[in-house]
Amino acid sequence: MSQKLDKRLLEEFGAVAAAKEELQIRAGISIKNSKPLNNNSWTSKVVAAINISDLAQEHGIEKCPLCNYGISFDDSRGWFICLNAKYNHKCSFKGNIVDFMERCI
């Protein structure tokens, strides 16, 4: 997987769809047979195949890009949250594995 999202995908589909397509390819899910947008079963397949913490480590992401606090990862759900958002409610950096790809990779 590339360090940044494929520029062609960004132009053709936008950031969210491009992030989902990158994850789909990485997870080995058939692109022809899946519906990447708004499909809970698709997201669960990605979460089952890819640990969000491994994805962050692979790309050297240890701190929140918005406030420089640490990030907590939940591999079983594919969620992340900035510790400043979790404890102080002063940051909006949280979401699922697709949000993480869109915002960080």
Protein backbone atom coordinates (compact mmCIF):
# COMPACT_ATOMS: atom_id res chain seq x y z
CA MET A 1 0.00 0.00 0.00
CA SER A 2 1.30 3.43 -0.85
CA GLN A 3 2.30 5.98 1.80
CA LYS A 4 -0.37 8.38 0.53
CA LEU A 5 -3.64 7.57 -1.13
CA ASP A 6 -3.39 7.03 -4.88
CA LYS A 7 -3.89 10.42 -6.55
CA ARG A 8 -6.06 8.88 -9.30
CA LEU A 9 -8.41 7.44 -6.68
CA LEU A 10 -8.66 10.78 -4.89
CA GLU A 11 -9.56 12.58 -8.10
CA GLU A 12 -11.99 9.94 -9.28
CA PHE A 13 -13.78 9.02 -6.07
CA GLY A 14 -12.93 11.59 -3.40
CA ALA A 15 -11.07 10.98 -0.16
CA VAL A 16 -13.54 8.66 1.58
CA ALA A 17 -14.08 6.35 -1.37
CA ALA A 18 -10.35 6.31 -2.15
CA ALA A 19 -9.56 5.35 1.45
CA LYS A 20 -12.14 2.57 1.28
CA GLU A 21 -10.77 1.25 -2.00
CA GLU A 22 -7.21 1.20 -0.60
CA LEU A 23 -8.43 -0.72 2.46
CA GLN A 24 -10.44 -3.09 0.29
CA ILE A 25 -7.38 -3.94 -1.79
CA ARG A 26 -5.22 -4.37 1.30
CA ALA A 27 -7.79 -6.63 3.00
CA GLY A 28 -8.10 -8.78 -0.14
CA ILE A 29 -11.81 -8.17 -0.57
CA SER A 30 -13.08 -8.55 -4.12
CA ILE A 31 -13.77 -5.10 -5.51
CA LYS A 32 -16.33 -6.38 -8.02
CA ASN A 33 -18.47 -8.18 -5.44
CA SER A 34 -18.51 -5.63 -2.64
CA LYS A 35 -20.19 -2.31 -2.08
CA PRO A 36 -17.59 -0.10 -0.40
CA LEU A 37 -19.81 2.84 0.51
CA ASN A 38 -22.05 2.58 3.59
CA ASN A 39 -21.90 -1.18 3.90
CA ASN A 40 -21.41 -2.51 7.44
CA SER A 41 -20.42 -5.99 6.25
CA TRP A 42 -17.69 -4.43 4.09
CA THR A 43 -16.27 -2.52 7.05
CA SER A 44 -16.34 -5.60 9.27
CA LYS A 45 -14.40 -7.56 6.62
CA VAL A 46 -11.76 -4.83 6.53
CA VAL A 47 -11.55 -4.70 10.34
CA ALA A 48 -11.19 -8.49 10.47
CA ALA A 49 -8.32 -8.37 7.96
CA ILE A 50 -6.43 -5.25 9.08
CA ASN A 51 -5.47 -4.07 12.56
CA ILE A 52 -5.77 -0.30 12.77
CA SER A 53 -2.85 -0.16 15.22
CA ASP A 54 -0.62 -2.01 12.74
CA LEU A 55 -1.68 0.40 10.01
CA ALA A 56 -0.74 3.37 12.20
CA GLN A 57 2.58 1.82 13.18
CA GLU A 58 3.39 0.99 9.56
CA HIS A 59 2.98 4.65 8.65
CA GLY A 60 4.69 6.03 11.77
CA ILE A 61 1.59 7.68 13.21
CA GLU A 62 1.90 7.87 16.99
CA LYS A 63 0.40 11.25 17.82
CA CYS A 64 -2.79 13.08 16.92
CA PRO A 65 -2.13 15.39 13.96
CA LEU A 66 -4.53 17.99 15.40
CA CYS A 67 -3.19 18.40 18.95
CA ASN A 68 -0.10 16.16 19.30
CA TYR A 69 -1.61 13.92 22.02
CA GLY A 70 -1.38 10.12 21.89
CA ILE A 71 -3.94 7.99 20.05
CA SER A 72 -5.83 4.99 21.40
CA PHE A 73 -6.63 2.17 18.95
CA ASP A 74 -9.27 -0.56 19.24
CA ASP A 75 -8.28 -3.30 16.80
CA SER A 76 -11.38 -5.41 17.46
CA ARG A 77 -13.68 -2.61 16.31
CA GLY A 78 -11.30 -0.76 13.98
CA TRP A 79 -11.72 2.50 15.91
CA PHE A 80 -9.31 5.21 16.99
CA ILE A 81 -9.57 8.22 19.31
CA CYS A 82 -7.19 10.96 20.33
CA LEU A 83 -6.51 10.84 24.07
CA ASN A 84 -7.29 14.56 24.25
CA ALA A 85 -10.72 13.79 22.79
CA LYS A 86 -11.22 10.81 25.09
CA TYR A 87 -10.35 12.49 28.39
CA ASN A 88 -10.59 16.25 27.87
CA HIS A 89 -13.18 16.40 25.06
CA LYS A 90 -11.04 19.06 23.37
CA CYS A 91 -10.26 17.33 20.08
CA SER A 92 -12.37 15.91 17.27
CA PHE A 93 -9.86 13.29 16.09
CA LYS A 94 -11.75 9.98 16.34
CA GLY A 95 -13.49 7.52 14.05
CA ASN A 96 -13.15 4.16 12.31
CA ILE A 97 -10.45 2.65 10.11
CA VAL A 98 -11.79 4.39 6.99
CA ASP A 99 -11.72 7.79 8.73
CA PHE A 100 -8.17 7.04 9.82
CA MET A 101 -7.07 6.24 6.28
CA GLU A 102 -8.75 9.33 4.92
CA ARG A 103 -7.22 11.68 7.49
CA CYS A 104 -3.77 10.20 8.16
CA ILE A 105 -2.40 8.08 5.37
